[in-house]
Protein backbone atom coordinates (compact mmCIF):
# COMPACT_ATOMS: atom_id res chain seq x y z
CA UNK A 1 147.60 102.47 123.02
CA UNK A 2 146.62 105.80 121.52
CA UNK A 3 145.21 106.09 118.01
CA UNK A 4 145.36 109.85 117.79
CA UNK A 5 147.10 112.81 119.42
CA UNK A 6 146.82 116.56 118.99
CA UNK A 7 148.74 119.55 120.34
CA UNK A 8 147.32 122.93 121.26
CA UNK A 9 148.39 126.13 123.02
CA UNK A 10 145.92 126.80 125.84
CA UNK A 11 145.70 129.97 127.93
CA UNK A 12 144.74 129.51 131.57
CA UNK A 13 140.99 129.03 131.80
CA UNK A 14 138.06 126.62 131.50
CA UNK A 15 137.50 124.21 128.61
CA UNK A 16 135.46 121.13 127.70
CA UNK A 17 135.78 117.99 125.65
CA UNK A 18 132.57 117.17 123.77
CA UNK A 19 131.78 113.75 122.33
CA UNK A 20 128.60 113.03 120.40
CA UNK A 21 126.44 110.20 119.21
CA UNK A 22 126.75 109.77 115.46
CA UNK A 23 124.63 108.28 112.73
CA UNK A 24 121.28 109.22 111.26
CA UNK A 25 118.43 109.47 111.87
CA UNK A 26 119.12 110.88 115.33
CA UNK A 27 116.75 108.35 116.87
CA UNK A 28 119.26 105.65 115.87
CA UNK A 29 122.45 107.59 116.66
CA UNK A 30 125.05 105.95 118.93
CA UNK A 31 128.50 106.62 120.34
CA UNK A 32 131.29 105.01 118.33
CA UNK A 33 132.22 103.24 121.59
CA UNK A 34 130.63 103.30 125.04
CA UNK A 35 133.85 104.65 126.61
CA UNK A 36 137.29 105.91 125.63
CA UNK A 37 140.64 106.22 127.39
CA UNK A 38 142.43 109.57 127.09
CA UNK A 39 145.37 111.46 128.59
CA UNK A 40 145.65 115.25 128.65
CA UNK A 41 149.24 116.25 129.47
CA UNK A 42 151.60 119.21 129.17
CA UNK A 43 154.16 119.30 126.33
CA UNK A 44 157.48 120.99 125.74
CA UNK A 45 156.09 122.51 122.50
CA UNK A 46 153.15 122.15 120.13
CA UNK A 47 155.03 120.65 117.18
CA UNK A 48 154.57 117.09 115.93
CA UNK A 49 158.00 116.39 117.41
CA UNK A 50 156.73 117.61 120.77
CA UNK A 51 153.78 115.19 120.55
CA UNK A 52 156.09 112.34 119.63
CA UNK A 53 158.45 113.10 122.51
CA UNK A 54 155.65 112.68 125.05
CA UNK A 55 153.85 109.82 123.31
CA UNK A 56 155.43 107.04 125.40
CA UNK A 57 154.32 108.73 128.61
CA UNK A 58 150.81 109.26 127.27
CA UNK A 59 150.54 105.69 126.04
CA UNK A 60 151.40 104.34 129.45
CA UNK A 61 148.61 106.45 130.98
CA UNK A 62 146.06 105.33 128.38
CA UNK A 63 146.89 101.65 128.78
CA UNK A 64 146.27 101.84 132.53
CA UNK A 65 143.69 104.56 133.26
CA UNK A 66 143.32 105.25 136.96
CA UNK A 67 140.05 107.19 136.89
CA UNK A 68 136.63 106.67 135.37
CA UNK A 69 134.94 109.97 134.53
CA UNK A 70 131.26 110.28 133.64
CA UNK A 71 129.72 113.09 131.60
CA UNK A 72 129.78 116.38 133.50
CA UNK A 73 132.66 115.44 135.79
CA UNK A 74 136.02 117.24 135.70
CA UNK A 75 138.84 115.66 133.72
CA UNK A 76 142.17 115.67 135.60
CA UNK A 77 145.43 116.44 133.78
CA UNK A 78 148.55 114.24 133.68
CA UNK A 79 146.37 111.18 134.39
CA UNK A 80 145.04 108.23 132.44
CA UNK A 81 141.25 108.65 132.28
CA UNK A 82 138.42 106.45 130.99
CA UNK A 83 135.58 108.64 129.75
CA UNK A 84 132.16 106.99 130.17
CA UNK A 85 129.65 108.36 127.65
CA UNK A 86 126.07 109.16 128.66
CA UNK A 87 123.94 106.73 126.66
CA UNK A 88 120.81 108.75 127.43
CA UNK A 89 122.17 111.94 125.85
CA UNK A 90 123.18 112.87 122.32
CA UNK A 91 126.25 114.74 123.66
CA UNK A 92 128.60 114.05 126.57
CA UNK A 93 130.66 116.98 127.90
CA UNK A 94 133.73 116.75 130.12
CA UNK A 95 135.03 120.03 131.59
CA UNK A 96 138.67 120.63 132.55
CA UNK A 97 140.70 123.55 133.84
CA UNK A 98 144.07 124.84 132.66
CA UNK A 99 145.92 126.56 135.50
CA UNK A 100 149.03 127.56 133.56
CA UNK A 101 149.16 128.85 129.98
CA UNK A 102 151.24 126.62 127.76
CA UNK A 103 151.41 123.75 125.21
CA UNK A 104 149.27 120.70 125.88
CA UNK A 105 148.68 117.37 124.19
CA UNK A 106 145.49 115.31 124.04
CA UNK A 107 146.06 111.59 123.42
CA UNK A 108 143.02 109.39 122.71
CA UNK A 109 142.35 105.69 122.24
CA UNK A 110 140.09 106.48 119.27
CA UNK A 111 140.09 109.23 116.66
CA UNK A 112 137.95 111.99 118.24
CA UNK A 113 136.26 112.88 114.96
CA UNK A 114 134.53 109.49 115.15
CA UNK A 115 132.48 111.11 117.90
CA UNK A 116 131.65 114.30 115.99
CA UNK A 117 128.14 114.71 114.62
CA UNK A 118 127.74 118.44 114.12
CA UNK A 119 130.13 120.06 116.60
CA UNK A 120 133.87 120.13 117.36
CA UNK A 121 135.21 118.04 120.27
CA UNK A 122 137.36 120.72 121.98
CA UNK A 123 135.66 123.97 123.02
CA UNK A 124 136.41 126.93 125.27
CA UNK A 125 134.20 128.50 127.95
CA UNK A 126 132.23 130.45 125.29
CA UNK A 127 131.53 127.26 123.31
CA UNK A 128 134.03 128.33 120.64
CA UNK A 129 135.96 125.69 118.69
CA UNK A 130 139.66 125.19 119.43
CA UNK A 131 141.71 123.72 116.59
CA UNK A 132 144.81 121.60 117.13
CA UNK A 133 148.15 122.82 115.81
CA UNK A 134 149.68 119.40 115.09
CA UNK A 135 148.29 115.86 115.09
CA UNK A 136 149.62 112.31 115.08
CA UNK A 137 148.01 108.96 114.41
CA UNK A 138 149.01 105.65 115.92
CA UNK A 139 151.27 104.92 112.94
CA UNK A 140 153.03 108.26 113.21
CA UNK A 141 151.28 109.90 110.28
CA UNK A 142 149.65 113.28 110.61
CA UNK A 143 145.88 113.80 110.59
CA UNK A 144 144.70 110.24 109.87
CA UNK A 145 141.24 108.96 110.86
CA UNK A 146 139.33 105.77 110.20
CA UNK A 147 135.68 106.77 110.31
CA UNK A 148 134.98 106.68 106.54
CA UNK A 149 131.30 106.47 105.69
CA UNK A 150 130.86 103.26 103.69
CA UNK A 151 128.24 104.26 101.14
CA UNK A 152 127.27 101.47 98.74
CA UNK A 153 124.51 103.00 96.65
CA UNK A 154 125.34 100.71 93.72
CA UNK A 155 124.02 97.58 95.49
CA UNK A 156 120.23 97.15 95.04
CA UNK A 157 119.65 95.31 98.31
CA UNK A 158 121.28 98.09 100.37
CA UNK A 159 118.82 100.89 99.63
CA UNK A 160 115.22 101.61 98.64
CA UNK A 161 114.48 101.74 94.93
CA UNK A 162 114.51 105.32 93.65
CA UNK A 163 111.41 104.87 91.52
CA UNK A 164 109.45 103.69 94.57
CA UNK A 165 110.23 106.97 96.35
CA UNK A 166 108.91 110.42 95.50
CA UNK A 167 111.40 110.42 92.60
CA UNK A 168 109.27 107.96 90.64
CA UNK A 169 109.94 107.65 86.93
CA UNK A 170 112.33 110.33 85.68
CA UNK A 171 112.58 112.28 82.44
CA UNK A 172 116.23 113.10 81.84
CA UNK A 173 115.18 116.08 79.70
CA UNK A 174 113.43 117.66 82.67
CA UNK A 175 116.38 119.67 83.97
CA UNK A 176 114.06 122.06 85.81
CA UNK A 177 113.03 119.28 88.18
CA UNK A 178 116.56 118.24 89.09
CA UNK A 179 117.76 121.85 89.46
CA UNK A 180 114.84 122.90 91.67
CA UNK A 181 115.36 119.91 93.95
CA UNK A 182 119.11 120.48 94.15
CA UNK A 183 118.34 124.05 95.22
CA UNK A 184 116.17 122.60 98.01
CA UNK A 185 119.19 120.64 99.25
CA UNK A 186 121.19 123.86 99.42
CA UNK A 187 118.47 126.04 100.93
CA UNK A 188 117.64 123.53 103.68
CA UNK A 189 121.30 122.82 104.57
CA UNK A 190 120.74 119.15 103.95
CA UNK A 191 124.45 118.40 104.38
CA UNK A 192 124.40 119.51 108.04
CA UNK A 193 123.97 116.95 110.81
CA UNK A 194 120.98 114.66 110.25
CA UNK A 195 118.94 117.18 108.25
CA UNK A 196 118.87 114.89 105.23
CA UNK A 197 117.25 112.14 107.31
CA UNK A 198 115.05 114.12 109.69
CA UNK A 199 113.79 116.76 107.23
CA UNK A 200 111.40 115.18 104.67
CA UNK A 201 112.12 118.01 102.21
CA UNK A 202 115.81 117.07 102.24
CA UNK A 203 115.17 113.36 101.89
CA UNK A 204 112.76 113.73 98.99
CA UNK A 205 114.97 116.25 97.19
CA UNK A 206 117.99 113.97 97.50
CA UNK A 207 116.11 110.95 96.16
CA UNK A 208 115.13 112.97 93.09
CA UNK A 209 118.60 114.42 92.47
CA UNK A 210 120.27 111.04 92.94
CA UNK A 211 117.83 109.41 90.51
CA UNK A 212 118.85 111.85 87.80
CA UNK A 213 122.54 111.71 88.69
CA UNK A 214 122.61 107.92 88.44
CA UNK A 215 120.02 107.26 85.76
CA UNK A 216 120.87 109.95 83.20
CA UNK A 217 123.80 110.74 80.95
CA UNK A 218 126.15 113.12 82.78
CA UNK A 219 125.83 115.57 79.88
CA UNK A 220 122.11 115.94 80.68
CA UNK A 221 122.79 117.05 84.26
CA UNK A 222 123.75 120.71 84.93
CA UNK A 223 127.38 120.94 86.03
CA UNK A 224 126.61 122.49 89.42
CA UNK A 225 124.30 119.54 90.20
CA UNK A 226 126.72 116.94 88.82
CA UNK A 227 129.48 118.22 91.09
CA UNK A 228 127.40 119.52 93.98
CA UNK A 229 125.62 116.27 94.80
CA UNK A 230 128.83 114.90 96.27
CA UNK A 231 128.54 117.43 99.11
CA UNK A 232 125.38 115.63 100.22
CA UNK A 233 126.25 111.98 99.59
CA UNK A 234 127.76 111.34 103.06
CA UNK A 235 124.75 112.86 104.80
CA UNK A 236 121.73 111.42 102.99
CA UNK A 237 119.84 108.15 102.67
CA UNK A 238 120.61 106.75 99.22
CA UNK A 239 118.26 105.06 96.82
CA UNK A 240 119.08 102.53 94.11
CA UNK A 241 118.67 103.09 90.40
CA UNK A 242 120.26 101.11 87.62
CA UNK A 243 123.11 103.17 86.19
CA UNK A 244 122.76 104.92 82.84
CA UNK A 245 124.17 102.88 79.98
CA UNK A 246 125.65 104.87 77.11
CA UNK A 247 124.97 102.90 73.90
CA UNK A 248 128.25 103.96 72.29
CA UNK A 249 130.48 102.81 75.17
CA UNK A 250 131.70 99.34 76.02
CA UNK A 251 131.29 97.59 79.35
CA UNK A 252 133.76 98.33 82.15
CA UNK A 253 133.82 94.66 83.05
CA UNK A 254 133.99 93.13 86.51
CA UNK A 255 135.81 95.23 89.13
CA UNK A 256 137.84 94.07 92.12
CA UNK A 257 136.94 96.76 94.64
CA UNK A 258 139.52 95.52 97.13
CA UNK A 259 142.36 96.16 94.69
CA UNK A 260 142.99 99.76 95.70
CA UNK A 261 146.68 99.51 94.83
CA UNK A 262 145.75 98.61 91.26
CA UNK A 263 143.38 101.53 90.73
CA UNK A 264 145.88 103.92 92.35
CA UNK A 265 148.47 102.81 89.80
CA UNK A 266 146.02 103.62 86.99
CA UNK A 267 145.25 106.99 88.60
CA UNK A 268 148.94 107.84 88.85
CA UNK A 269 149.38 106.91 85.19
CA UNK A 270 146.65 109.40 84.23
CA UNK A 271 148.33 112.14 86.26
CA UNK A 272 151.87 111.52 84.99
CA UNK A 273 152.60 114.39 82.60
CA UNK A 274 154.89 112.26 80.46
CA UNK A 275 151.96 110.02 79.50
CA UNK A 276 150.06 112.97 77.99
CA UNK A 277 146.60 111.81 79.10
CA UNK A 278 145.41 115.31 79.93
CA UNK A 279 146.67 116.57 76.56
CA UNK A 280 145.05 113.99 74.27
CA UNK A 281 141.81 113.75 76.31
CA UNK A 282 142.73 110.17 77.26
CA UNK A 283 142.40 109.05 73.64
CA UNK A 284 145.57 106.96 73.47
CA UNK A 285 144.94 103.29 74.17
CA UNK A 286 146.99 103.35 77.38
CA UNK A 287 145.27 106.47 78.73
CA UNK A 288 141.83 105.19 77.74
CA UNK A 289 142.49 101.89 79.54
CA UNK A 290 143.64 103.72 82.68
CA UNK A 291 140.63 106.05 82.63
CA UNK A 292 138.20 103.15 82.16
CA UNK A 293 139.76 101.35 85.14
CA UNK A 294 139.33 104.45 87.31
CA UNK A 295 135.74 104.99 86.12
CA UNK A 296 134.86 101.37 86.84
CA UNK A 297 136.29 101.50 90.36
CA UNK A 298 134.84 104.92 91.23
CA UNK A 299 131.35 104.17 89.96
CA UNK A 300 131.08 100.51 90.98
CA UNK A 301 132.64 100.34 94.43
CA UNK A 302 131.57 101.46 97.89
CA UNK A 303 132.99 104.78 99.07
CA UNK A 304 135.30 103.08 101.58
CA UNK A 305 136.97 101.20 98.70
CA UNK A 306 137.68 104.33 96.64
CA UNK A 307 141.01 105.99 97.53
CA UNK A 308 140.44 109.55 98.70
CA UNK A 309 142.77 111.04 96.08
CA UNK A 310 140.55 109.53 93.36
CA UNK A 311 137.33 110.64 95.04
CA UNK A 312 138.70 114.18 95.21
CA UNK A 313 140.13 114.45 91.72
CA UNK A 314 137.78 112.25 89.70
CA UNK A 315 135.52 115.02 88.45
CA UNK A 316 138.47 117.02 87.16
CA UNK A 317 139.36 114.18 84.81
CA UNK A 318 135.72 113.80 83.82
CA UNK A 319 136.12 117.17 82.10
CA UNK A 320 139.38 116.09 80.46
CA UNK A 321 138.84 112.51 79.33
CA UNK A 322 136.50 111.61 76.50
CA UNK A 323 134.82 108.22 76.46
CA UNK A 324 134.73 105.94 79.46
CA UNK A 325 132.79 102.74 79.97
CA UNK A 326 129.45 101.45 81.24
CA UNK A 327 129.68 99.94 84.72
CA UNK A 328 128.28 96.51 85.31
CA UNK A 329 125.12 96.06 87.37
CA UNK A 330 122.65 93.34 88.27
CA UNK A 331 120.56 93.10 85.12
CA UNK A 332 118.28 90.47 86.63
CA UNK A 333 117.20 92.73 89.50
CA UNK A 334 113.50 93.61 89.38
CA UNK A 335 112.09 96.65 91.17
CA UNK A 336 109.30 95.74 93.56
CA UNK A 337 107.78 98.72 95.37
CA UNK A 338 105.92 96.33 97.68
CA UNK A 339 109.25 95.04 99.04
CA UNK A 340 109.86 95.63 102.73
CA UNK A 341 112.90 97.85 102.12
CA UNK A 342 110.71 100.33 100.19
CA UNK A 343 107.87 100.57 102.70
CA UNK A 344 109.26 103.50 104.76
CA UNK A 345 109.92 105.58 101.66
CA UNK A 346 106.75 105.14 99.60
CA UNK A 347 105.09 108.50 98.83
CA UNK A 348 101.58 108.96 100.23
CA UNK A 349 99.95 108.32 96.84
CA UNK A 350 101.83 105.05 96.31
CA UNK A 351 100.56 101.92 98.06
CA UNK A 352 103.35 99.74 96.72
CA UNK A 353 101.48 98.70 93.55
CA UNK A 354 103.84 98.85 90.59
CA UNK A 355 100.92 99.61 88.23
CA UNK A 356 101.40 103.31 87.51
CA UNK A 357 98.66 103.53 84.88
CA UNK A 358 96.06 104.74 87.38
CA UNK A 359 98.34 107.27 89.06
CA UNK A 360 98.74 110.82 87.82
CA UNK A 361 101.12 113.49 88.97
CA UNK A 362 99.85 116.72 90.48
CA UNK A 363 101.00 118.51 87.32
CA UNK A 364 98.94 116.23 85.09
CA UNK A 365 95.85 116.66 87.26
CA UNK A 366 96.27 120.44 87.23
CA UNK A 367 96.62 120.46 83.44
CA UNK A 368 93.49 118.39 82.96
CA UNK A 369 91.56 120.61 85.38
CA UNK A 370 92.51 123.74 83.44
CA UNK A 371 91.49 122.15 80.14
CA UNK A 372 88.11 121.07 81.54
CA UNK A 373 87.52 124.57 82.93
CA UNK A 374 88.24 126.16 79.54
CA UNK A 375 85.89 123.81 77.70
CA UNK A 376 83.16 124.38 80.30
CA UNK A 377 83.46 128.17 80.00
CA UNK A 378 83.28 127.94 76.22
CA UNK A 379 80.09 125.85 76.38
CA UNK A 380 78.45 128.21 78.86
CA UNK A 381 79.34 131.25 76.78
CA UNK A 382 77.88 129.63 73.67
CA UNK A 383 74.61 128.91 75.44
CA UNK A 384 74.35 132.43 76.85
CA UNK A 385 75.16 133.99 73.49
CA UNK A 386 72.61 131.92 71.66
CA UNK A 387 69.81 132.36 74.16
CA UNK A 388 70.32 135.93 75.31
CA UNK A 389 72.78 138.06 73.40
CA UNK A 390 72.10 137.27 69.75
CA UNK A 391 68.26 137.69 69.90
CA UNK A 392 68.63 141.13 71.46
CA UNK A 393 70.84 142.32 68.63
CA UNK A 394 68.36 141.05 66.05
CA UNK A 395 65.37 142.72 67.80
CA UNK A 396 67.23 146.00 67.90
CA UNK A 397 67.94 146.01 64.19
CA UNK A 398 64.31 145.20 63.37
CA UNK A 399 62.58 147.69 65.72
CA UNK A 400 61.48 151.14 64.54
CA UNK A 401 61.54 152.76 61.10
CA UNK A 402 64.60 152.83 58.97
CA UNK A 403 66.52 156.02 59.81
CA UNK A 404 66.68 158.72 57.10
CA UNK A 405 70.05 159.87 55.82
CA UNK A 406 70.78 163.53 55.18
CA UNK A 407 72.36 164.70 51.99
CA UNK A 408 75.84 164.81 53.37
CA UNK A 409 75.53 161.25 54.55
CA UNK A 410 74.22 160.15 51.19
CA UNK A 411 77.04 161.93 49.44
CA UNK A 412 79.56 160.33 51.80
CA UNK A 413 78.11 156.86 51.21
CA UNK A 414 78.07 157.41 47.50
CA UNK A 415 81.63 158.52 47.47
CA UNK A 416 82.63 155.61 49.58
CA UNK A 417 80.94 153.25 47.17
CA UNK A 418 82.60 154.85 44.23
CA UNK A 419 85.95 154.67 45.91
CA UNK A 420 85.39 151.10 46.73
CA UNK A 421 84.68 150.22 43.12
CA UNK A 422 87.57 152.21 41.75
């Protein structure tokens, strides 16, 4: 059966379907499935109703494909086709020809965006993207996929320890460091393709920004960084750092991450105008309880367990609601930079030894070097002055007779003395 369908108006001409390996780094990328059944058929119109009207026909073709098509081969229309992806290539392209301009529907056994890494899956002869006008999922809903990236950066065992990466120990007052590294994420387009994995600048910058974002009070992080980091979360390798604990807030308690219906109910309560949560900054007991439940779920659970509406709107309520709660974490976990999970991410100067006493940052070394240079110059100058400059001045003052002063000079000196005594 089909999982997804899309309608499009296509002029007569040449086109291609493009499916890609996904996942980072690219060396570990893979197709979501080794093959996929599709049907490309003509429609009566490009509306969702038009897709639905032809869905039974398309499903019959997908359930019993009559042709196997490998990458590079032409895709026939009005036929059930099994696309075989080229395991030796990052992309597999399948050309097809439209003889008559009109509405067409593409029905697929998987959601095509599961096979998108950095390019769209329907392109014209000039490699330009073609967007679909209406879409359907297998349950009849529009525009639904199931390829959510399941990021679990709150679980220590899942990721390297932040302090064992280039991030090291952080100073939450050092906003310059977090801002400069966030700018590196932007400048290097670290949210494009596998840049955040394959470009060391991206990976290091993200480790540093994430360390501050997780380990510091949100008020200490510039707003553009606090909000902007979420553009990079789906694309970057995460590191683990124990979450910041605000001493004036209570614990969020244990969270049931599978209870999405429960957290959605709390979210809807916050957004219901009659409850006044956005007016009183969530200070009423009911609003505070709802906000704490949302905070706990958002900050404690994997991305796949956080409803999209909450992920999208959470940071709006962060500006509205005062208070919150401290999420629970594994307090018995001990960072060990010699652990196997940290080995690929250790900076060059770190051999996995947790003893940081004998390690100095480049900034500290530079500062010490400047201080030593200044002291050295001062000592040298003192020696030169004592041995060379001062004796010459003394010899000059002692050589030759004392110069005679004319009358005007004597009068001037006398007047000066008198003035000075007056």
